[in-house]
Structure formats: structure tokens, C-alpha cells
Amino acid sequence: MKVFVTGGTGFIGHYVVRALLAKGHEVVIATRHPNKVPSLQKIPQVSFVECALTDFEKMAQGLVGCDACIHVALGWGETPSTMLMNDTRATVNLLESAAAAGCKKFIYTSSTAAMGRIRPVMREVTCNLPMDLYGATKAAGEAFVLGFSHGYGDQFPKVEMARNIIRPGYTFGNPAYPDGCCQPDRRFFDIVKAVKENRDINIIKNDGTQFIFAGHQAELYVNLLESDLNEEIFLGMSECWVSWKEIAQMALSLKPDSTSKIVEKDLGWGDDPILFDVSKIKDRFGLAFDPHEQLMEHVKWNFEQV
């Protein structure tokens, strides 16, 4: 397939591009920074459209001839209206342009933030109760993706494009290419830096999540792309919960002579975390992820960066 990928030079995006290429797909990357990952410029099966998410005409032109669209990029804003204009509107426009271009498949990158408030059972069918603008924006995008089954009047009387959603959790990893990028969150780096400098490692007691390695996340994208599914939502997370304390202990194990200590701030969070139910990706695709090996590799990589 020829696959149009927004944000293909970003962290999750360049992992998705690498996974698509490994399966023999051709990729068109829509990005503001086509030179961000120089390695991608050298691959014949990769082409670029230099544009922002709101460059609607360029997006539409880039989609011509594509079989599928994977929307990874995020449009940011500081207010509800700018989030609406920069991200939600861009997603809706991309949906329309992809359908008009004849794309057969569309994958939207949402987030677990769309689900928002943590409840005793967290799975794909749990009602979205976003707690911030980011979560609200992702929830709005999901609604348009699922609701775009047909248009009104003469436009899109029937939408034949399969539309599916992935909700990534905390996605980490070393760069997919030597000149690629890492996740923007610096907590791994800060923990390693503290260990190297023999300073206390300050974390919140019982803070953690179902970390997922970006390479595993990309597997989910490719499996969904190559499926016949439509109007489905999938949680992109690992099965097991890992605490930041465990990650700090990984860092300390790599420098046994460090005098750093783990200092936990108690905010009253319970010892038993509420887990997201990720059985759906196992049932549908046979995917079940454990991030421990890749977490240690990522801690080692951060040691090299400090």
C-alpha cells in the first residue's frame, strides 16, 4: 500500500514509518520538518509533503494516489478555540481529504487522555471523560472519525473508507534511526542524570503506568492497517504496570557506586494501580507486550546521552 503518514518524522511517527517500510509499504510523510530524520531522505520508498496540519490544500494534494492515511501528528494550542482550530479541525479536514482522495483506510492517533478520569474498569468501551484540553481534543477527534460514516446532501453520500482509532499510552524508546528522535518527556534523562551526579532521585510514590515500547506501538499500527476492521478503538499499551521507582532502580543498577537515593513523595496514591484492560489487541492481533527489556535498553541509552 501507499500510506500517507502525518507526523512521520516525529517520535511515534518515525517508528510507524520504519514498521511500514519493513512490511513493503510505500510511505508519504506529511511534516513541517522533512529534514528532521535525514536517514528517511535516503529511502526510495519514502517521499515528503512539507506542510503543517492546517495546510489543507497541500495535505489534499499529498493524499492523491494513497491507499491509506495514518494520522499521528498533533496540532497544539493554548486555549479551547486554538486546540479546536489547530487539531480537531485539521483532523476533520484530513478525514474529508482522505475520503475524497480514495483512501480505503484511515487510522487516527488518539490517546488514553481521551478517556480521562480513572475508573475501576478501563477499556476501549469505557466512556470518555477527558480532564484537560488535550484529552478533550482527542475525544473530539475520535467522535468525528467514528461519526464520519456518511455525509449530508451531495457530499460523501456513503463513506467506504475504514476508520479506526489507536489510543497510545506512555510510549518510550530510543530513536528508530540513528539520527531519529526520542519521546519529548525528559523523566528518563533526569533520573539517569541524578544517578550520574549522585543526587537524590525524586519521584511520586506509586507513580507509574503501562509503558509501551514505540516499536511495539508501531506493530499495532501495522496490524490494524493490514486488517479489515472498521470503526474500532484499540488501546496501545503493555500488559504490565511499571513504576518510576522501578525505572530509577534500573538506573541505579547501572552505576553501583552511585550514592543517589530514591526519595518518594507520598500523595496518597494506593499501592494497587488500576490497570487498563488491553486484552482486545491480544484477542484481535495476538499482541501482548512486556516493556521491561526495552525499558532497560532505554535507560542505558539515556546514560550515553548524559
C-alpha atoms as a PDB file:
ATOM      1  CA  MET A   1       0.000   0.000   0.000  1.00  0.00           C
ATOM      2  CA  LYS A   2       0.930   3.624  -0.409  1.00  0.00           C
ATOM      3  CA  VAL A   3       0.428   5.124   3.043  1.00  0.00           C
ATOM      4  CA  PHE A   4       0.172   8.824   3.905  1.00  0.00           C
ATOM      5  CA  VAL A   5       1.555   9.462   7.418  1.00  0.00           C
ATOM      6  CA  THR A   6       1.205  12.776   9.230  1.00  0.00           C
ATOM      7  CA  GLY A   7       3.989  13.452  11.722  1.00  0.00           C
ATOM      8  CA  GLY A   8       6.172  10.758  10.184  1.00  0.00           C
ATOM      9  CA  THR A   9       9.369  12.440  11.377  1.00  0.00           C
ATOM     10  CA  GLY A  10       8.160  12.653  14.987  1.00  0.00           C
ATOM     11  CA  PHE A  11       8.828  10.070  17.674  1.00  0.00           C
ATOM     12  CA  ILE A  12       5.925   7.646  17.271  1.00  0.00           C
ATOM     13  CA  GLY A  13       5.622   8.599  13.611  1.00  0.00           C
ATOM     14  CA  HIS A  14       9.130   7.602  12.569  1.00  0.00           C
ATOM     15  CA  TYR A  15       8.698   4.235  14.293  1.00  0.00           C
ATOM     16  CA  VAL A  16       5.450   3.720  12.349  1.00  0.00           C
ATOM     17  CA  VAL A  17       7.218   4.655   9.108  1.00  0.00           C
ATOM     18  CA  ARG A  18      10.014   2.165   9.804  1.00  0.00           C
ATOM     19  CA  ALA A  19       7.483  -0.593  10.501  1.00  0.00           C
ATOM     20  CA  LEU A  20       5.551   0.192   7.314  1.00  0.00           C
ATOM     21  CA  LEU A  21       8.724   0.069   5.215  1.00  0.00           C
ATOM     22  CA  ALA A  22       9.689  -3.259   6.788  1.00  0.00           C
ATOM     23  CA  LYS A  23       6.376  -4.681   5.527  1.00  0.00           C
ATOM     24  CA  GLY A  24       6.987  -3.405   1.990  1.00  0.00           C
ATOM     25  CA  HIS A  25       4.669  -0.406   2.013  1.00  0.00           C
ATOM     26  CA  GLU A  26       5.436   2.913   0.318  1.00  0.00           C
ATOM     27  CA  VAL A  27       5.202   5.980   2.578  1.00  0.00           C
ATOM     28  CA  VAL A  28       4.335   9.631   2.004  1.00  0.00           C
ATOM     29  CA  ILE A  29       5.280  11.702   5.057  1.00  0.00           C
ATOM     30  CA  ALA A  30       3.486  14.958   5.790  1.00  0.00           C
ATOM     31  CA  THR A  31       5.676  17.040   8.096  1.00  0.00           C
ATOM     32  CA  ARG A  32       6.809  20.580   8.768  1.00  0.00           C
ATOM     33  CA  HIS A  33      10.386  19.319   9.070  1.00  0.00           C
ATOM     34  CA  PRO A  34      11.265  16.924   6.220  1.00  0.00           C
ATOM     35  CA  ASN A  35      14.964  17.017   7.162  1.00  0.00           C
ATOM     36  CA  LYS A  36      14.382  16.124  10.810  1.00  0.00           C
ATOM     37  CA  VAL A  37      15.379  12.474  10.242  1.00  0.00           C
ATOM     38  CA  PRO A  38      17.994  12.579   7.429  1.00  0.00           C
ATOM     39  CA  SER A  39      18.034   8.766   7.123  1.00  0.00           C
ATOM     40  CA  LEU A  40      14.477   8.838   5.773  1.00  0.00           C
ATOM     41  CA  GLN A  41      15.529  11.155   2.944  1.00  0.00           C
ATOM     42  CA  LYS A  42      17.739   8.384   1.545  1.00  0.00           C
ATOM     43  CA  ILE A  43      14.990   5.746   1.284  1.00  0.00           C
ATOM     44  CA  PRO A  44      13.467   5.471  -2.224  1.00  0.00           C
ATOM     45  CA  GLN A  45      10.121   4.275  -0.861  1.00  0.00           C
ATOM     46  CA  VAL A  46       9.701   7.490   1.149  1.00  0.00           C
ATOM     47  CA  SER A  47       8.529  10.843  -0.186  1.00  0.00           C
ATOM     48  CA  PHE A  48       7.641  14.055   1.640  1.00  0.00           C
ATOM     49  CA  VAL A  49       4.985  16.742   1.702  1.00  0.00           C
ATOM     50  CA  GLU A  50       6.298  19.776   3.583  1.00  0.00           C
ATOM     51  CA  CYS A  51       3.306  21.274   5.322  1.00  0.00           C
ATOM     52  CA  ALA A  52       1.580  21.973   8.613  1.00  0.00           C
ATOM     53  CA  LEU A  53      -1.630  20.196   9.597  1.00  0.00           C
ATOM     54  CA  THR A  54      -3.549  23.334   8.679  1.00  0.00           C
ATOM     55  CA  ASP A  55      -2.095  23.492   5.145  1.00  0.00           C
ATOM     56  CA  PHE A  56      -5.226  21.820   3.868  1.00  0.00           C
ATOM     57  CA  GLU A  57      -4.524  22.189   0.150  1.00  0.00           C
ATOM     58  CA  LYS A  58      -1.053  20.621   0.424  1.00  0.00           C
ATOM     59  CA  MET A  59      -2.455  17.803   2.542  1.00  0.00           C
ATOM     60  CA  ALA A  60      -5.123  17.085  -0.062  1.00  0.00           C
ATOM     61  CA  GLN A  61      -2.561  17.056  -2.858  1.00  0.00           C
ATOM     62  CA  GLY A  62      -0.271  14.695  -0.932  1.00  0.00           C
ATOM     63  CA  LEU A  63      -3.127  12.230  -0.345  1.00  0.00           C
ATOM     64  CA  VAL A  64      -3.797  11.762  -4.064  1.00  0.00           C
ATOM     65  CA  GLY A  65      -2.873   8.220  -5.044  1.00  0.00           C
ATOM     66  CA  CYS A  66      -2.580   6.981  -1.462  1.00  0.00           C
ATOM     67  CA  ASP A  67      -4.368   3.852  -0.292  1.00  0.00           C
ATOM     68  CA  ALA A  68      -4.400   4.722   3.405  1.00  0.00           C
ATOM     69  CA  CYS A  69      -3.832   7.569   5.840  1.00  0.00           C
ATOM     70  CA  ILE A  70      -2.317   7.253   9.315  1.00  0.00           C
ATOM     71  CA  HIS A  71      -2.766  10.444  11.315  1.00  0.00           C
ATOM     72  CA  VAL A  72      -0.100  10.669  14.024  1.00  0.00           C
ATOM     73  CA  ALA A  73       0.671  14.402  14.197  1.00  0.00           C
ATOM     74  CA  LEU A  74      -0.794  16.684  16.866  1.00  0.00           C
ATOM     75  CA  GLY A  75      -1.811  20.295  16.394  1.00  0.00           C
ATOM     76  CA  TRP A  76      -1.347  22.220  19.626  1.00  0.00           C
ATOM     77  CA  GLY A  77      -2.975  25.288  21.164  1.00  0.00           C
ATOM     78  CA  GLU A  78      -3.151  27.076  24.498  1.00  0.00           C
ATOM     79  CA  THR A  79      -6.916  27.644  24.578  1.00  0.00           C
ATOM     80  CA  PRO A  80     -10.007  25.593  23.714  1.00  0.00           C
ATOM     81  CA  SER A  81     -10.501  27.532  20.488  1.00  0.00           C
ATOM     82  CA  THR A  82      -6.888  27.170  19.304  1.00  0.00           C
ATOM     83  CA  MET A  83      -6.906  23.444  20.096  1.00  0.00           C
ATOM     84  CA  LEU A  84     -10.130  23.202  18.103  1.00  0.00           C
ATOM     85  CA  MET A  85      -8.679  25.093  15.154  1.00  0.00           C
ATOM     86  CA  ASN A  86      -5.197  23.529  15.137  1.00  0.00           C
ATOM     87  CA  ASP A  87      -6.055  19.900  15.867  1.00  0.00           C
ATOM     88  CA  THR A  88      -9.732  18.959  15.712  1.00  0.00           C
ATOM     89  CA  ARG A  89     -10.416  20.992  12.584  1.00  0.00           C
ATOM     90  CA  ALA A  90      -7.239  19.593  10.998  1.00  0.00           C
ATOM     91  CA  THR A  91      -8.353  16.028  11.776  1.00  0.00           C
ATOM     92  CA  VAL A  92     -11.785  16.604  10.258  1.00  0.00           C
ATOM     93  CA  ASN A  93     -10.263  18.146   7.142  1.00  0.00           C
ATOM     94  CA  LEU A  94      -7.833  15.228   6.827  1.00  0.00           C
ATOM     95  CA  LEU A  95     -10.731  12.773   7.087  1.00  0.00           C
ATOM     96  CA  GLU A  96     -12.581  14.502   4.279  1.00  0.00           C
ATOM     97  CA  SER A  97      -9.483  14.832   2.100  1.00  0.00           C
ATOM     98  CA  ALA A  98      -8.514  11.189   2.600  1.00  0.00           C
ATOM     99  CA  ALA A  99     -12.005  10.020   1.645  1.00  0.00           C
ATOM    100  CA  ALA A 100     -12.077  12.343  -1.368  1.00  0.00           C
ATOM    101  CA  ALA A 101      -8.673  11.031  -2.486  1.00  0.00           C
ATOM    102  CA  GLY A 102      -9.995   7.475  -2.443  1.00  0.00           C
ATOM    103  CA  CYS A 103      -8.141   6.201   0.609  1.00  0.00           C
ATOM    104  CA  LYS A 104      -9.535   2.887   1.766  1.00  0.00           C
ATOM    105  CA  LYS A 105      -8.229   3.101   5.341  1.00  0.00           C
ATOM    106  CA  PHE A 106      -7.752   5.800   7.978  1.00  0.00           C
ATOM    107  CA  ILE A 107      -6.115   5.376  11.388  1.00  0.00           C
ATOM    108  CA  TYR A 108      -6.439   8.151  13.948  1.00  0.00           C
ATOM    109  CA  THR A 109      -3.943   8.509  16.783  1.00  0.00           C
ATOM    110  CA  SER A 110      -5.864   9.412  19.903  1.00  0.00           C
ATOM    111  CA  SER A 111      -4.625   8.986  23.481  1.00  0.00           C
ATOM    112  CA  THR A 112      -5.625   7.390  26.757  1.00  0.00           C
ATOM    113  CA  ALA A 113      -6.100  11.040  27.813  1.00  0.00           C
ATOM    114  CA  ALA A 114      -9.372  10.982  25.838  1.00  0.00           C
ATOM    115  CA  MET A 115     -10.723   8.541  28.435  1.00  0.00           C
ATOM    116  CA  GLY A 116      -9.663  10.879  31.229  1.00  0.00           C
ATOM    117  CA  ARG A 117     -10.894  10.071  34.699  1.00  0.00           C
ATOM    118  CA  ILE A 118      -9.604   6.737  36.011  1.00  0.00           C
ATOM    119  CA  ARG A 119     -12.339   4.283  36.942  1.00  0.00           C
ATOM    120  CA  PRO A 120     -12.258   0.691  38.260  1.00  0.00           C
ATOM    121  CA  VAL A 121     -12.598  -0.697  34.715  1.00  0.00           C
ATOM    122  CA  MET A 122     -10.663   0.978  31.887  1.00  0.00           C
ATOM    123  CA  ARG A 123     -11.138  -0.498  28.434  1.00  0.00           C
ATOM    124  CA  GLU A 124     -11.949   0.686  24.916  1.00  0.00           C
ATOM    125  CA  VAL A 125     -15.696   0.936  25.583  1.00  0.00           C
ATOM    126  CA  THR A 126     -15.258   2.983  28.767  1.00  0.00           C
ATOM    127  CA  CYS A 127     -16.973   6.360  28.377  1.00  0.00           C
ATOM    128  CA  ASN A 128     -14.648   9.272  27.587  1.00  0.00           C
ATOM    129  CA  LEU A 129     -14.448  11.761  30.476  1.00  0.00           C
ATOM    130  CA  PRO A 130     -11.476  13.961  29.491  1.00  0.00           C
ATOM    131  CA  MET A 131      -9.862  16.042  32.216  1.00  0.00           C
ATOM    132  CA  ASP A 132      -7.934  18.596  30.146  1.00  0.00           C
ATOM    133  CA  LEU A 133      -7.871  20.278  26.743  1.00  0.00           C
ATOM    134  CA  TYR A 134      -5.583  17.650  25.259  1.00  0.00           C
ATOM    135  CA  GLY A 135      -7.917  14.845  26.295  1.00  0.00           C
ATOM    136  CA  ALA A 136     -10.952  16.799  25.107  1.00  0.00           C
ATOM    137  CA  THR A 137      -9.320  17.389  21.735  1.00  0.00           C
ATOM    138  CA  LYS A 138      -8.510  13.711  21.294  1.00  0.00           C
ATOM    139  CA  ALA A 139     -12.024  12.698  22.345  1.00  0.00           C
ATOM    140  CA  ALA A 140     -13.465  15.146  19.815  1.00  0.00           C
ATOM    141  CA  GLY A 141     -11.244  13.730  17.093  1.00  0.00           C
ATOM    142  CA  GLU A 142     -12.420  10.217  17.943  1.00  0.00           C
ATOM    143  CA  ALA A 143     -16.052  11.300  17.661  1.00  0.00           C
ATOM    144  CA  PHE A 144     -15.554  12.727  14.173  1.00  0.00           C
ATOM    145  CA  VAL A 145     -13.589   9.682  12.999  1.00  0.00           C
ATOM    146  CA  LEU A 146     -16.312   7.287  14.138  1.00  0.00           C
ATOM    147  CA  GLY A 147     -19.171   9.543  13.057  1.00  0.00           C
ATOM    148  CA  PHE A 148     -17.879  10.066   9.530  1.00  0.00           C
ATOM    149  CA  SER A 149     -19.878   7.163   8.115  1.00  0.00           C
ATOM    150  CA  HIS A 150     -21.631   9.355   5.567  1.00  0.00           C
ATOM    151  CA  GLY A 151     -22.021  12.996   4.707  1.00  0.00           C
ATOM    152  CA  TYR A 152     -25.095  15.061   4.030  1.00  0.00           C
ATOM    153  CA  GLY A 153     -26.501  16.260   0.736  1.00  0.00           C
ATOM    154  CA  ASP A 154     -24.350  15.519  -2.298  1.00  0.00           C
ATOM    155  CA  GLN A 155     -21.024  15.241  -0.474  1.00  0.00           C
ATOM    156  CA  PHE A 156     -19.965  11.815   0.779  1.00  0.00           C
ATOM    157  CA  PRO A 157     -23.375  10.117   0.495  1.00  0.00           C
ATOM    158  CA  LYS A 158     -21.510   6.986   1.552  1.00  0.00           C
ATOM    159  CA  VAL A 159     -18.080   6.701   3.151  1.00  0.00           C
ATOM    160  CA  GLU A 160     -16.304   3.496   2.142  1.00  0.00           C
ATOM    161  CA  MET A 161     -13.074   4.347   3.984  1.00  0.00           C
ATOM    162  CA  ALA A 162     -12.468   2.143   7.025  1.00  0.00           C
ATOM    163  CA  ARG A 163     -11.819   4.348  10.061  1.00  0.00           C
ATOM    164  CA  ASN A 164     -10.093   3.045  13.193  1.00  0.00           C
ATOM    165  CA  ILE A 165      -8.518   4.548  16.306  1.00  0.00           C
ATOM    166  CA  ILE A 166      -5.455   3.785  18.404  1.00  0.00           C
ATOM    167  CA  ARG A 167      -5.137   5.228  21.906  1.00  0.00           C
ATOM    168  CA  PRO A 168      -1.426   5.114  22.829  1.00  0.00           C
ATOM    169  CA  GLY A 169      -0.367   5.146  26.440  1.00  0.00           C
ATOM    170  CA  TYR A 170       3.090   6.330  27.562  1.00  0.00           C
ATOM    171  CA  THR A 171       5.260   5.422  24.572  1.00  0.00           C
ATOM    172  CA  PHE A 172       9.039   5.349  25.015  1.00  0.00           C
ATOM    173  CA  GLY A 173      12.128   4.202  23.169  1.00  0.00           C
ATOM    174  CA  ASN A 174      15.477   5.063  21.674  1.00  0.00           C
ATOM    175  CA  PRO A 175      15.378   6.738  18.233  1.00  0.00           C
ATOM    176  CA  ALA A 176      14.171   4.403  15.488  1.00  0.00           C
ATOM    177  CA  TYR A 177      17.041   5.610  13.292  1.00  0.00           C
ATOM    178  CA  PRO A 178      20.474   6.789  14.491  1.00  0.00           C
ATOM    179  CA  ASP A 179      19.517  10.344  13.560  1.00  0.00           C
ATOM    180  CA  GLY A 180      15.942   9.979  14.758  1.00  0.00           C
ATOM    181  CA  CYS A 181      14.243  11.419  17.825  1.00  0.00           C
ATOM    182  CA  CYS A 182      13.194  10.325  21.301  1.00  0.00           C
ATOM    183  CA  GLN A 183       9.995  10.948  23.264  1.00  0.00           C
ATOM    184  CA  PRO A 184       9.789  14.576  24.472  1.00  0.00           C
ATOM    185  CA  ASP A 185       9.296  13.694  28.154  1.00  0.00           C
ATOM    186  CA  ARG A 186      12.656  14.028  29.961  1.00  0.00           C
ATOM    187  CA  ARG A 187      11.953  11.961  33.070  1.00  0.00           C
ATOM    188  CA  PHE A 188      14.205   9.089  31.975  1.00  0.00           C
ATOM    189  CA  PHE A 189      17.007  11.546  31.259  1.00  0.00           C
ATOM    190  CA  ASP A 190      16.504  13.358  34.576  1.00  0.00           C
ATOM    191  CA  ILE A 191      16.636  10.102  36.571  1.00  0.00           C
ATOM    192  CA  VAL A 192      19.838   8.998  34.853  1.00  0.00           C
ATOM    193  CA  LYS A 193      21.410  12.430  35.301  1.00  0.00           C
ATOM    194  CA  ALA A 194      20.655  12.341  39.022  1.00  0.00           C
ATOM    195  CA  VAL A 195      22.285   8.911  39.317  1.00  0.00           C
ATOM    196  CA  LYS A 196      25.386  10.052  37.468  1.00  0.00           C
ATOM    197  CA  GLU A 197      25.654  13.180  39.623  1.00  0.00           C
ATOM    198  CA  ASN A 198      24.956  11.329  42.895  1.00  0.00           C
ATOM    199  CA  ARG A 199      21.850  13.389  43.585  1.00  0.00           C
ATOM    200  CA  ASP A 200      18.567  12.191  45.066  1.00  0.00           C
ATOM    201  CA  ILE A 201      16.022  10.825  42.600  1.00  0.00           C
ATOM    202  CA  ASN A 202      12.713  12.486  43.387  1.00  0.00           C
ATOM    203  CA  ILE A 203       9.613  10.569  42.335  1.00  0.00           C
ATOM    204  CA  ILE A 204       5.991  10.227  43.408  1.00  0.00           C
ATOM    205  CA  LYS A 205       5.202   7.112  45.405  1.00  0.00           C
ATOM    206  CA  ASN A 206       3.224   4.551  43.389  1.00  0.00           C
ATOM    207  CA  ASP A 207       3.549   6.610  40.210  1.00  0.00           C
ATOM    208  CA  GLY A 208       3.782   4.502  37.072  1.00  0.00           C
ATOM    209  CA  THR A 209       1.934   3.309  34.003  1.00  0.00           C
ATOM    210  CA  GLN A 210       1.634   0.577  31.385  1.00  0.00           C
ATOM    211  CA  PHE A 211       4.634   1.785  29.399  1.00  0.00           C
ATOM    212  CA  ILE A 212       4.813   0.623  25.795  1.00  0.00           C
ATOM    213  CA  PHE A 213       7.911   0.490  23.594  1.00  0.00           C
ATOM    214  CA  ALA A 214       7.485   2.533  20.394  1.00  0.00           C
ATOM    215  CA  GLY A 215       8.447  -0.463  18.271  1.00  0.00           C
ATOM    216  CA  HIS A 216       5.594  -2.422  19.835  1.00  0.00           C
ATOM    217  CA  GLN A 217       3.246   0.506  19.272  1.00  0.00           C
ATOM    218  CA  ALA A 218       4.210   0.503  15.594  1.00  0.00           C
ATOM    219  CA  GLU A 219       3.359  -3.214  15.392  1.00  0.00           C
ATOM    220  CA  LEU A 220      -0.177  -2.365  16.447  1.00  0.00           C
ATOM    221  CA  TYR A 221      -0.473   0.299  13.725  1.00  0.00           C
ATOM    222  CA  VAL A 222       0.687  -2.100  11.002  1.00  0.00           C
ATOM    223  CA  ASN A 223      -1.579  -4.923  12.207  1.00  0.00           C
ATOM    224  CA  LEU A 224      -4.565  -2.590  12.228  1.00  0.00           C
ATOM    225  CA  LEU A 225      -3.682  -1.146   8.817  1.00  0.00           C
ATOM    226  CA  GLU A 226      -3.483  -4.608   7.267  1.00  0.00           C
ATOM    227  CA  SER A 227      -6.757  -5.761   8.843  1.00  0.00           C
ATOM    228  CA  ASP A 228     -10.308  -5.489   7.519  1.00  0.00           C
ATOM    229  CA  LEU A 229     -11.590  -3.845  10.697  1.00  0.00           C
ATOM    230  CA  ASN A 230     -13.690  -0.697  10.734  1.00  0.00           C
ATOM    231  CA  GLU A 231     -14.844   1.717  13.440  1.00  0.00           C
ATOM    232  CA  GLU A 232     -12.780   0.035  16.141  1.00  0.00           C
ATOM    233  CA  ILE A 233     -10.755   1.504  19.020  1.00  0.00           C
ATOM    234  CA  PHE A 234      -7.600  -0.110  20.423  1.00  0.00           C
ATOM    235  CA  LEU A 235      -5.537   0.714  23.491  1.00  0.00           C
ATOM    236  CA  GLY A 236      -1.840   0.852  22.649  1.00  0.00           C
ATOM    237  CA  MET A 237      -0.327  -0.173  25.980  1.00  0.00           C
ATOM    238  CA  SER A 238       1.639  -3.005  27.560  1.00  0.00           C
ATOM    239  CA  GLU A 239       0.030  -5.619  29.769  1.00  0.00           C
ATOM    240  CA  CYS A 240       2.099  -4.889  32.869  1.00  0.00           C
ATOM    241  CA  TRP A 241       2.303  -1.784  35.012  1.00  0.00           C
ATOM    242  CA  VAL A 242       5.790  -0.423  35.791  1.00  0.00           C
ATOM    243  CA  SER A 243       6.576   2.211  38.435  1.00  0.00           C
ATOM    244  CA  TRP A 244       9.014   5.084  38.076  1.00  0.00           C
ATOM    245  CA  LYS A 245      10.668   3.676  41.182  1.00  0.00           C
ATOM    246  CA  GLU A 246      11.483   0.504  39.237  1.00  0.00           C
ATOM    247  CA  ILE A 247      12.964   2.602  36.444  1.00  0.00           C
ATOM    248  CA  ALA A 248      15.063   4.508  38.983  1.00  0.00           C
ATOM    249  CA  GLN A 249      16.273   1.167  40.338  1.00  0.00           C
ATOM    250  CA  MET A 250      17.270   0.156  36.789  1.00  0.00           C
ATOM    251  CA  ALA A 251      19.347   3.317  36.540  1.00  0.00           C
ATOM    252  CA  LEU A 252      20.996   2.706  39.905  1.00  0.00           C
ATOM    253  CA  SER A 253      21.874  -0.856  38.884  1.00  0.00           C
ATOM    254  CA  LEU A 254      23.961   0.534  36.030  1.00  0.00           C
ATOM    255  CA  LYS A 255      26.068   2.647  38.416  1.00  0.00           C
ATOM    256  CA  PRO A 256      26.551   0.595  41.612  1.00  0.00           C
ATOM    257  CA  ASP A 257      28.898   3.188  43.105  1.00  0.00           C
ATOM    258  CA  SER A 258      26.294   5.955  42.922  1.00  0.00           C
ATOM    259  CA  THR A 259      25.297   7.496  46.246  1.00  0.00           C
ATOM    260  CA  SER A 260      21.915   8.585  44.872  1.00  0.00           C
ATOM    261  CA  LYS A 261      18.839   7.685  46.870  1.00  0.00           C
ATOM    262  CA  ILE A 262      15.259   7.313  45.721  1.00  0.00           C
ATOM    263  CA  VAL A 263      13.074   9.859  47.513  1.00  0.00           C
ATOM    264  CA  GLU A 264       9.350   9.185  47.206  1.00  0.00           C
ATOM    265  CA  LYS A 265       6.762  11.892  47.723  1.00  0.00           C
ATOM    266  CA  ASP A 266       3.583  10.380  49.152  1.00  0.00           C
ATOM    267  CA  LEU A 267       0.450  11.867  47.590  1.00  0.00           C
ATOM    268  CA  GLY A 268      -1.760   9.130  48.993  1.00  0.00           C
ATOM    269  CA  TRP A 269      -1.854   7.045  45.829  1.00  0.00           C
ATOM    270  CA  GLY A 270      -2.812   3.425  46.528  1.00  0.00           C
ATOM    271  CA  ASP A 271      -0.381   0.526  46.268  1.00  0.00           C
ATOM    272  CA  ASP A 272      -2.570  -1.319  43.753  1.00  0.00           C
ATOM    273  CA  PRO A 273      -2.741   0.503  40.400  1.00  0.00           C
ATOM    274  CA  ILE A 274      -5.848   0.421  38.242  1.00  0.00           C
ATOM    275  CA  LEU A 275      -4.890  -1.339  35.018  1.00  0.00           C
ATOM    276  CA  PHE A 276      -6.173  -0.618  31.537  1.00  0.00           C
ATOM    277  CA  ASP A 277      -7.593  -3.790  30.001  1.00  0.00           C
ATOM    278  CA  VAL A 278      -5.509  -4.444  26.870  1.00  0.00           C
ATOM    279  CA  SER A 279      -6.995  -7.843  26.072  1.00  0.00           C
ATOM    280  CA  LYS A 280      -8.546  -6.539  22.844  1.00  0.00           C
ATOM    281  CA  ILE A 281      -5.226  -6.215  20.978  1.00  0.00           C
ATOM    282  CA  LYS A 282      -4.359  -9.727  22.126  1.00  0.00           C
ATOM    283  CA  ASP A 283      -7.706 -11.142  21.038  1.00  0.00           C
ATOM    284  CA  ARG A 284      -7.694  -9.409  17.644  1.00  0.00           C
ATOM    285  CA  PHE A 285      -3.994  -9.437  16.731  1.00  0.00           C
ATOM    286  CA  GLY A 286      -2.260 -11.757  19.178  1.00  0.00           C
ATOM    287  CA  LEU A 287      -0.296  -8.801  20.585  1.00  0.00           C
ATOM    288  CA  ALA A 288       0.758  -8.779  24.239  1.00  0.00           C
ATOM    289  CA  PHE A 289       3.640  -6.566  25.292  1.00  0.00           C
ATOM    290  CA  ASP A 290       6.075  -6.535  28.214  1.00  0.00           C
ATOM    291  CA  PRO A 291       8.281  -3.402  28.200  1.00  0.00           C
ATOM    292  CA  HIS A 292      10.947  -4.407  30.740  1.00  0.00           C
ATOM    293  CA  GLU A 293      13.716  -5.334  28.291  1.00  0.00           C
ATOM    294  CA  GLN A 294      13.234  -2.169  26.237  1.00  0.00           C
ATOM    295  CA  LEU A 295      12.969  -0.024  29.382  1.00  0.00           C
ATOM    296  CA  MET A 296      16.417  -1.190  30.476  1.00  0.00           C
ATOM    297  CA  GLU A 297      17.808  -0.516  26.996  1.00  0.00           C
ATOM    298  CA  HIS A 298      16.274   2.948  27.098  1.00  0.00           C
ATOM    299  CA  VAL A 299      17.822   3.670  30.498  1.00  0.00           C
ATOM    300  CA  LYS A 300      21.206   2.559  29.106  1.00  0.00           C
ATOM    301  CA  TRP A 301      20.736   4.808  26.068  1.00  0.00           C
ATOM    302  CA  ASN A 302      19.987   7.767  28.325  1.00  0.00           C
ATOM    303  CA  PHE A 303      23.221   7.065  30.226  1.00  0.00           C
ATOM    304  CA  GLU A 304      25.042   7.614  26.941  1.00  0.00           C
ATOM    305  CA  GLN A 305      23.291  10.946  26.412  1.00  0.00           C
ATOM    306  CA  VAL A 306      24.136  12.497  29.790  1.00  0.00           C
END
